[in-house]
């Protein structure tokens, strides 16, 4: 699972941002649930099924230098492509 942080302003930094991923289903790696964005604006996570039946939510978020919180939420279930590349976009305006 890749989380992309995009900025609508050229002045907004999108490299080396600390992105947090949380989920009420599955197992996230890294175990800390955090990853830094790269020069290509992506933070990499893996989400694997843990045998939980039913649906849940995955939330990606980060806080900018001004304290503004940005997030994106997707729904997942046992039929979702766990462990495969899924891109979530968190837009910083």
C-alpha atoms as a PDB file:
ATOM      1  CA  UNK A   1       0.000   0.000   0.000  1.00  0.00           C
ATOM      2  CA  UNK A   2       1.433   3.336  -0.998  1.00  0.00           C
ATOM      3  CA  UNK A   3       0.294   6.656   0.414  1.00  0.00           C
ATOM      4  CA  UNK A   4       0.943   9.650  -1.805  1.00  0.00           C
ATOM      5  CA  UNK A   5       1.111  13.109  -0.288  1.00  0.00           C
ATOM      6  CA  UNK A   6       0.407  15.766  -2.894  1.00  0.00           C
ATOM      7  CA  UNK A   7       0.529  19.533  -2.473  1.00  0.00           C
ATOM      8  CA  UNK A   8      -1.408  22.116  -4.450  1.00  0.00           C
ATOM      9  CA  UNK A   9       1.149  24.776  -3.494  1.00  0.00           C
ATOM     10  CA  UNK A  10       4.746  24.629  -4.678  1.00  0.00           C
ATOM     11  CA  UNK A  11       5.747  25.923  -1.237  1.00  0.00           C
ATOM     12  CA  UNK A  12       4.315  22.893   0.620  1.00  0.00           C
ATOM     13  CA  UNK A  13       7.013  20.323   1.364  1.00  0.00           C
ATOM     14  CA  UNK A  14       6.060  16.777   0.336  1.00  0.00           C
ATOM     15  CA  UNK A  15       9.391  15.021   0.913  1.00  0.00           C
ATOM     16  CA  UNK A  16      10.306  13.501   4.299  1.00  0.00           C
ATOM     17  CA  UNK A  17       6.818  13.961   5.739  1.00  0.00           C
ATOM     18  CA  UNK A  18       5.895  11.526   8.492  1.00  0.00           C
ATOM     19  CA  UNK A  19       2.772   9.659   7.383  1.00  0.00           C
ATOM     20  CA  UNK A  20       0.754   7.516   9.808  1.00  0.00           C
ATOM     21  CA  UNK A  21      -1.365   4.558   8.700  1.00  0.00           C
ATOM     22  CA  UNK A  22      -3.981   3.015  10.985  1.00  0.00           C
ATOM     23  CA  UNK A  23      -6.473   0.231  10.382  1.00  0.00           C
ATOM     24  CA  UNK A  24      -9.088  -1.601  12.405  1.00  0.00           C
ATOM     25  CA  UNK A  25      -8.495  -4.744  10.327  1.00  0.00           C
ATOM     26  CA  UNK A  26      -5.296  -6.389   9.139  1.00  0.00           C
ATOM     27  CA  UNK A  27      -1.663  -6.066  10.097  1.00  0.00           C
ATOM     28  CA  UNK A  28       0.356  -3.010   9.070  1.00  0.00           C
ATOM     29  CA  UNK A  29       4.080  -2.980   8.421  1.00  0.00           C
ATOM     30  CA  UNK A  30       6.149  -1.244   9.477  1.00  0.00           C
ATOM     31  CA  UNK A  31       4.752  -2.090  12.908  1.00  0.00           C
ATOM     32  CA  UNK A  32       5.077   1.536  14.018  1.00  0.00           C
ATOM     33  CA  UNK A  33       2.450   2.475  11.429  1.00  0.00           C
ATOM     34  CA  UNK A  34       4.640   5.348  10.253  1.00  0.00           C
ATOM     35  CA  UNK A  35       6.721   5.983   7.148  1.00  0.00           C
ATOM     36  CA  UNK A  36       8.470   8.974   5.574  1.00  0.00           C
ATOM     37  CA  UNK A  37       7.571  10.208   2.113  1.00  0.00           C
ATOM     38  CA  UNK A  38      10.239   9.918  -0.554  1.00  0.00           C
ATOM     39  CA  UNK A  39      11.162  12.401  -3.282  1.00  0.00           C
ATOM     40  CA  UNK A  40       8.350  10.867  -5.356  1.00  0.00           C
ATOM     41  CA  UNK A  41       5.863  11.859  -2.583  1.00  0.00           C
ATOM     42  CA  UNK A  42       5.109   8.253  -1.537  1.00  0.00           C
ATOM     43  CA  UNK A  43       5.223   6.611   1.882  1.00  0.00           C
ATOM     44  CA  UNK A  44       5.236   2.795   1.706  1.00  0.00           C
ATOM     45  CA  UNK A  45       3.221   0.487   3.950  1.00  0.00           C
ATOM     46  CA  UNK A  46       2.047  -3.105   3.734  1.00  0.00           C
ATOM     47  CA  UNK A  47      -1.357  -4.231   4.959  1.00  0.00           C
ATOM     48  CA  UNK A  48      -1.917  -7.955   5.344  1.00  0.00           C
ATOM     49  CA  UNK A  49      -5.036  -9.865   6.269  1.00  0.00           C
ATOM     50  CA  UNK A  50      -5.200 -11.125   9.842  1.00  0.00           C
ATOM     51  CA  UNK A  51      -8.187 -13.449   9.501  1.00  0.00           C
ATOM     52  CA  UNK A  52     -10.658 -10.769  10.565  1.00  0.00           C
ATOM     53  CA  UNK A  53     -14.016 -11.202   8.865  1.00  0.00           C
ATOM     54  CA  UNK A  54     -16.014  -8.196   7.768  1.00  0.00           C
ATOM     55  CA  UNK A  55     -15.092  -4.706   6.721  1.00  0.00           C
ATOM     56  CA  UNK A  56     -12.983  -1.971   8.239  1.00  0.00           C
ATOM     57  CA  UNK A  57     -11.232   1.261   7.483  1.00  0.00           C
ATOM     58  CA  UNK A  58      -7.664   2.274   6.691  1.00  0.00           C
ATOM     59  CA  UNK A  59      -6.694   5.854   7.474  1.00  0.00           C
ATOM     60  CA  UNK A  60      -3.574   7.627   6.216  1.00  0.00           C
ATOM     61  CA  UNK A  61      -2.705  10.976   7.752  1.00  0.00           C
ATOM     62  CA  UNK A  62       0.042  13.517   8.299  1.00  0.00           C
ATOM     63  CA  UNK A  63       0.425  16.847  10.078  1.00  0.00           C
ATOM     64  CA  UNK A  64       2.121  19.744   8.305  1.00  0.00           C
ATOM     65  CA  UNK A  65       4.509  22.242   9.906  1.00  0.00           C
ATOM     66  CA  UNK A  66       1.589  24.549  10.755  1.00  0.00           C
ATOM     67  CA  UNK A  67      -0.217  21.782  12.675  1.00  0.00           C
ATOM     68  CA  UNK A  68      -2.859  21.138   9.996  1.00  0.00           C
ATOM     69  CA  UNK A  69      -3.931  17.495   9.792  1.00  0.00           C
ATOM     70  CA  UNK A  70      -4.651  15.892   6.413  1.00  0.00           C
ATOM     71  CA  UNK A  71      -6.085  12.435   5.925  1.00  0.00           C
ATOM     72  CA  UNK A  72      -7.647   9.957   3.532  1.00  0.00           C
ATOM     73  CA  UNK A  73      -9.805   6.985   4.491  1.00  0.00           C
ATOM     74  CA  UNK A  74     -10.598   3.891   2.444  1.00  0.00           C
ATOM     75  CA  UNK A  75     -12.736   0.897   3.317  1.00  0.00           C
ATOM     76  CA  UNK A  76     -11.376  -2.647   3.138  1.00  0.00           C
ATOM     77  CA  UNK A  77     -12.809  -6.100   3.722  1.00  0.00           C
ATOM     78  CA  UNK A  78     -11.596  -9.674   3.608  1.00  0.00           C
ATOM     79  CA  UNK A  79     -11.908  -9.568  -0.199  1.00  0.00           C
ATOM     80  CA  UNK A  80      -9.735  -6.451  -0.575  1.00  0.00           C
ATOM     81  CA  UNK A  81      -6.322  -6.882  -2.183  1.00  0.00           C
ATOM     82  CA  UNK A  82      -4.356  -7.131   1.078  1.00  0.00           C
ATOM     83  CA  UNK A  83      -0.614  -7.006   0.504  1.00  0.00           C
ATOM     84  CA  UNK A  84      -1.003  -5.530  -2.989  1.00  0.00           C
ATOM     85  CA  UNK A  85      -0.240  -2.013  -4.149  1.00  0.00           C
ATOM     86  CA  UNK A  86      -3.041   0.381  -3.357  1.00  0.00           C
ATOM     87  CA  UNK A  87      -2.494   4.113  -3.539  1.00  0.00           C
ATOM     88  CA  UNK A  88      -4.157   6.490  -1.107  1.00  0.00           C
ATOM     89  CA  UNK A  89      -3.844  10.218  -1.786  1.00  0.00           C
ATOM     90  CA  UNK A  90      -3.537  12.741   1.026  1.00  0.00           C
ATOM     91  CA  UNK A  91      -3.830  16.251  -0.412  1.00  0.00           C
ATOM     92  CA  UNK A  92      -2.117  19.161   1.310  1.00  0.00           C
ATOM     93  CA  UNK A  93      -3.579  22.454   0.162  1.00  0.00           C
END
